[in-house]
Amino acid sequence: MGKIIFALFCCPFVTALNGWVGNCLWQWFAVPFGAPAIGIWGALGLSCLVSAFWGASLEEDGPFTAVLIARFLQPLLVLLIGFVIHECWLHTGYTPPHLL
């Protein structure tokens, strides 16, 4: 019972983290190509939409704490990879065609 309460307590934080990461990635990679800027709420909505189509699973194998840590670390790892790609992209001098 304690694990369920703890998971429910952590859920808003994981959701907010996913929204923040989604917003950063959107600003870095979609806006330069002419997509409208979105905020965290828009990123959360897109995250829910993608989860609906890809079927986010609530059941995962492994110990409870390992699954919970993975839920926190996955968005941070995605953000780190996106940041590295974004920085490399900035240093290449690439300009999207619609901005030429």
C-alpha atoms as a PDB file:
ATOM      1  CA  MET A   1       0.000   0.000   0.000  1.00  0.00           C
ATOM      2  CA  GLY A   2       2.862   2.358   0.799  1.00  0.00           C
ATOM      3  CA  LYS A   3       4.353   1.865  -2.673  1.00  0.00           C
ATOM      4  CA  ILE A   4       1.092   2.904  -4.323  1.00  0.00           C
ATOM      5  CA  ILE A   5       0.835   6.063  -2.239  1.00  0.00           C
ATOM      6  CA  PHE A   6       4.462   6.910  -2.958  1.00  0.00           C
ATOM      7  CA  ALA A   7       3.950   6.315  -6.699  1.00  0.00           C
ATOM      8  CA  LEU A   8       0.870   8.559  -6.687  1.00  0.00           C
ATOM      9  CA  PHE A   9       2.879  11.215  -4.856  1.00  0.00           C
ATOM     10  CA  CYS A  10       5.685  11.037  -7.448  1.00  0.00           C
ATOM     11  CA  CYS A  11       3.377  11.008 -10.476  1.00  0.00           C
ATOM     12  CA  PRO A  12       2.875  14.811 -10.674  1.00  0.00           C
ATOM     13  CA  PHE A  13       6.631  15.376 -10.445  1.00  0.00           C
ATOM     14  CA  VAL A  14       7.388  12.884 -13.220  1.00  0.00           C
ATOM     15  CA  THR A  15       4.627  14.426 -15.346  1.00  0.00           C
ATOM     16  CA  ALA A  16       5.961  17.943 -14.781  1.00  0.00           C
ATOM     17  CA  LEU A  17       9.480  16.768 -15.616  1.00  0.00           C
ATOM     18  CA  ASN A  18       8.242  15.225 -18.875  1.00  0.00           C
ATOM     19  CA  GLY A  19       6.439  18.471 -19.738  1.00  0.00           C
ATOM     20  CA  TRP A  20       9.523  20.556 -19.068  1.00  0.00           C
ATOM     21  CA  VAL A  21      11.752  18.248 -21.118  1.00  0.00           C
ATOM     22  CA  GLY A  22       9.204  18.173 -23.948  1.00  0.00           C
ATOM     23  CA  ASN A  23       9.002  21.957 -23.918  1.00  0.00           C
ATOM     24  CA  CYS A  24      12.799  22.319 -24.086  1.00  0.00           C
ATOM     25  CA  LEU A  25      13.075  19.870 -26.964  1.00  0.00           C
ATOM     26  CA  TRP A  26      10.216  21.555 -28.825  1.00  0.00           C
ATOM     27  CA  GLN A  27      11.854  24.979 -28.480  1.00  0.00           C
ATOM     28  CA  TRP A  28      15.188  23.611 -29.648  1.00  0.00           C
ATOM     29  CA  PHE A  29      14.061  21.503 -32.600  1.00  0.00           C
ATOM     30  CA  ALA A  30      10.545  22.416 -33.767  1.00  0.00           C
ATOM     31  CA  VAL A  31      10.422  26.212 -33.395  1.00  0.00           C
ATOM     32  CA  PRO A  32      13.450  26.849 -35.653  1.00  0.00           C
ATOM     33  CA  PHE A  33      11.524  25.139 -38.476  1.00  0.00           C
ATOM     34  CA  GLY A  34       8.527  27.424 -38.089  1.00  0.00           C
ATOM     35  CA  ALA A  35       6.379  25.504 -35.603  1.00  0.00           C
ATOM     36  CA  PRO A  36       4.642  27.711 -33.068  1.00  0.00           C
ATOM     37  CA  ALA A  37       6.203  27.925 -29.623  1.00  0.00           C
ATOM     38  CA  ILE A  38       4.399  25.948 -26.951  1.00  0.00           C
ATOM     39  CA  GLY A  39       4.603  26.045 -23.185  1.00  0.00           C
ATOM     40  CA  ILE A  40       4.803  23.283 -20.645  1.00  0.00           C
ATOM     41  CA  TRP A  41       1.032  22.696 -20.848  1.00  0.00           C
ATOM     42  CA  GLY A  42       1.231  22.203 -24.602  1.00  0.00           C
ATOM     43  CA  ALA A  43       4.161  19.840 -24.147  1.00  0.00           C
ATOM     44  CA  LEU A  44       2.206  17.891 -21.523  1.00  0.00           C
ATOM     45  CA  GLY A  45      -0.709  17.626 -23.957  1.00  0.00           C
ATOM     46  CA  LEU A  46       1.569  16.310 -26.694  1.00  0.00           C
ATOM     47  CA  SER A  47       3.076  13.858 -24.226  1.00  0.00           C
ATOM     48  CA  CYS A  48      -0.401  12.554 -23.374  1.00  0.00           C
ATOM     49  CA  LEU A  49      -1.261  12.298 -27.066  1.00  0.00           C
ATOM     50  CA  VAL A  50       1.873  10.296 -27.839  1.00  0.00           C
ATOM     51  CA  SER A  51       1.286   8.071 -24.799  1.00  0.00           C
ATOM     52  CA  ALA A  52      -2.267   7.394 -25.997  1.00  0.00           C
ATOM     53  CA  PHE A  53      -1.009   6.170 -29.381  1.00  0.00           C
ATOM     54  CA  TRP A  54       2.059   4.309 -28.147  1.00  0.00           C
ATOM     55  CA  GLY A  55       0.295   2.825 -25.161  1.00  0.00           C
ATOM     56  CA  ALA A  56       2.270   3.862 -22.099  1.00  0.00           C
ATOM     57  CA  SER A  57       2.549   0.858 -19.835  1.00  0.00           C
ATOM     58  CA  LEU A  58       1.933   1.037 -16.129  1.00  0.00           C
ATOM     59  CA  GLU A  59       3.307  -2.458 -15.598  1.00  0.00           C
ATOM     60  CA  GLU A  60       7.044  -2.810 -15.793  1.00  0.00           C
ATOM     61  CA  ASP A  61       9.369  -5.572 -14.741  1.00  0.00           C
ATOM     62  CA  GLY A  62      11.817  -5.066 -11.936  1.00  0.00           C
ATOM     63  CA  PRO A  63      11.914  -3.755  -8.403  1.00  0.00           C
ATOM     64  CA  PHE A  64       9.617  -0.850  -7.604  1.00  0.00           C
ATOM     65  CA  THR A  65      12.394   1.603  -6.779  1.00  0.00           C
ATOM     66  CA  ALA A  66      14.295   0.762  -9.973  1.00  0.00           C
ATOM     67  CA  VAL A  67      11.204   1.443 -12.079  1.00  0.00           C
ATOM     68  CA  LEU A  68      10.565   4.713 -10.252  1.00  0.00           C
ATOM     69  CA  ILE A  69      14.160   5.861 -10.684  1.00  0.00           C
ATOM     70  CA  ALA A  70      13.984   4.955 -14.380  1.00  0.00           C
ATOM     71  CA  ARG A  71      10.846   7.088 -14.744  1.00  0.00           C
ATOM     72  CA  PHE A  72      12.812  10.080 -13.423  1.00  0.00           C
ATOM     73  CA  LEU A  73      16.058   9.381 -15.266  1.00  0.00           C
ATOM     74  CA  GLN A  74      14.631   8.668 -18.719  1.00  0.00           C
ATOM     75  CA  PRO A  75      13.439  12.252 -19.395  1.00  0.00           C
ATOM     76  CA  LEU A  76      16.718  13.637 -18.065  1.00  0.00           C
ATOM     77  CA  LEU A  77      18.704  11.342 -20.340  1.00  0.00           C
ATOM     78  CA  VAL A  78      16.563  12.378 -23.318  1.00  0.00           C
ATOM     79  CA  LEU A  79      17.143  16.032 -22.390  1.00  0.00           C
ATOM     80  CA  LEU A  80      20.903  15.474 -22.180  1.00  0.00           C
ATOM     81  CA  ILE A  81      20.993  13.799 -25.602  1.00  0.00           C
ATOM     82  CA  GLY A  82      18.799  16.556 -27.053  1.00  0.00           C
ATOM     83  CA  PHE A  83      21.061  19.214 -25.541  1.00  0.00           C
ATOM     84  CA  VAL A  84      24.167  17.661 -27.098  1.00  0.00           C
ATOM     85  CA  ILE A  85      22.456  17.453 -30.496  1.00  0.00           C
ATOM     86  CA  HIS A  86      21.211  21.042 -30.159  1.00  0.00           C
ATOM     87  CA  GLU A  87      24.670  22.333 -29.286  1.00  0.00           C
ATOM     88  CA  CYS A  88      26.250  20.448 -32.188  1.00  0.00           C
ATOM     89  CA  TRP A  89      23.562  21.837 -34.491  1.00  0.00           C
ATOM     90  CA  LEU A  90      24.249  25.394 -33.337  1.00  0.00           C
ATOM     91  CA  HIS A  91      27.951  25.010 -34.049  1.00  0.00           C
ATOM     92  CA  THR A  92      27.414  23.754 -37.606  1.00  0.00           C
ATOM     93  CA  GLY A  93      25.846  27.048 -38.645  1.00  0.00           C
ATOM     94  CA  TYR A  94      22.811  25.321 -40.190  1.00  0.00           C
ATOM     95  CA  THR A  95      19.905  27.635 -40.974  1.00  0.00           C
ATOM     96  CA  PRO A  96      16.449  26.149 -41.691  1.00  0.00           C
ATOM     97  CA  PRO A  97      15.454  26.798 -45.340  1.00  0.00           C
ATOM     98  CA  HIS A  98      12.447  28.957 -44.480  1.00  0.00           C
ATOM     99  CA  LEU A  99      14.760  31.420 -42.668  1.00  0.00           C
ATOM    100  CA  LEU A 100      17.129  31.911 -45.622  1.00  0.00           C
END
